[in-house]
Amino acid sequence: MLPVQRKTRTQTRKGRSHHALKSAAPVTCPHSGEIRAPHTACRETGYVAPNGNRPGFFLELKILGTKSKTA
């Protein structure tokens, strides 16, 4: 089926005004308290938070010269 009337450019663009992505809320590292993006490793400690399939763990960060720790 086709629409009865064609949508104008303005109607189309106004409808798309709600399609914008929202920025992810920052989270804090439980070990250092540093603010970081969700689902990423902490820059200070290298800690990655647990998810449903794996436990939390620490990454070795060669950039900052930190050593890995055991969770």
Protein backbone atom coordinates (compact mmCIF):
# COMPACT_ATOMS: atom_id res chain seq x y z
CA MET A 1 0.00 0.00 0.00
CA LEU A 2 1.10 3.49 -0.74
CA PRO A 3 0.50 6.53 1.44
CA VAL A 4 -2.45 8.68 0.46
CA GLN A 5 -0.32 11.83 0.42
CA ARG A 6 3.39 12.32 0.15
CA LYS A 7 5.15 13.63 3.28
CA THR A 8 6.76 17.01 2.81
CA ARG A 9 10.45 17.60 3.53
CA THR A 10 9.53 19.49 6.69
CA GLN A 11 7.33 16.68 8.01
CA THR A 12 10.08 14.15 7.29
CA ARG A 13 12.76 16.22 9.01
CA LYS A 14 10.54 16.97 12.02
CA GLY A 15 9.90 13.26 12.39
CA ARG A 16 13.64 12.59 12.33
CA SER A 17 14.32 15.13 15.08
CA HIS A 18 13.81 12.38 17.67
CA HIS A 19 16.25 9.93 16.04
CA ALA A 20 19.40 11.50 17.51
CA LEU A 21 21.60 9.30 19.68
CA LYS A 22 22.12 10.24 23.30
CA SER A 23 25.58 10.26 24.82
CA ALA A 24 26.45 7.46 27.22
CA ALA A 25 26.42 8.34 30.91
CA PRO A 26 29.90 8.22 32.48
CA VAL A 27 30.62 5.66 35.21
CA THR A 28 33.24 5.60 37.97
CA CYS A 29 35.89 2.94 38.47
CA PRO A 30 35.24 1.07 41.75
CA HIS A 31 38.99 0.84 42.46
CA SER A 32 40.30 4.32 41.63
CA GLY A 33 37.13 6.44 41.48
CA GLU A 34 38.15 7.83 38.09
CA ILE A 35 35.35 8.70 35.67
CA ARG A 36 35.39 6.61 32.49
CA ALA A 37 33.14 5.60 29.60
CA PRO A 38 31.00 2.49 30.14
CA HIS A 39 32.32 -0.86 28.83
CA THR A 40 35.91 0.38 28.76
CA ALA A 41 39.01 -0.21 30.89
CA CYS A 42 40.00 2.32 33.55
CA ARG A 43 43.04 4.36 32.44
CA GLU A 44 44.52 4.44 35.93
CA THR A 45 44.12 0.82 37.10
CA GLY A 46 43.22 -1.07 33.91
CA TYR A 47 40.14 -2.59 35.58
CA VAL A 48 37.34 -3.88 33.33
CA ALA A 49 34.00 -4.34 35.08
CA PRO A 50 32.23 -7.73 34.98
CA ASN A 51 29.35 -8.47 32.65
CA GLY A 52 26.96 -11.43 32.46
CA ASN A 53 29.51 -13.80 30.86
CA ARG A 54 32.81 -13.05 32.59
CA PRO A 55 34.18 -11.79 35.91
CA GLY A 56 35.93 -8.43 36.25
CA PHE A 57 39.66 -8.33 35.53
CA PHE A 58 42.64 -6.00 35.22
CA LEU A 59 44.41 -5.25 31.93
CA GLU A 60 48.09 -4.50 31.66
CA LEU A 61 48.41 -0.98 30.29
CA LYS A 62 51.68 -0.64 28.43
CA ILE A 63 51.01 3.01 27.60
CA LEU A 64 51.01 4.13 31.22
CA GLY A 65 53.55 1.55 32.42
CA THR A 66 51.27 -0.06 35.00
CA LYS A 67 51.34 -3.71 35.95
CA SER A 68 48.29 -5.97 35.96
CA LYS A 69 46.67 -7.00 39.23
CA THR A 70 44.55 -10.00 40.04
CA ALA A 71 40.89 -9.41 40.75
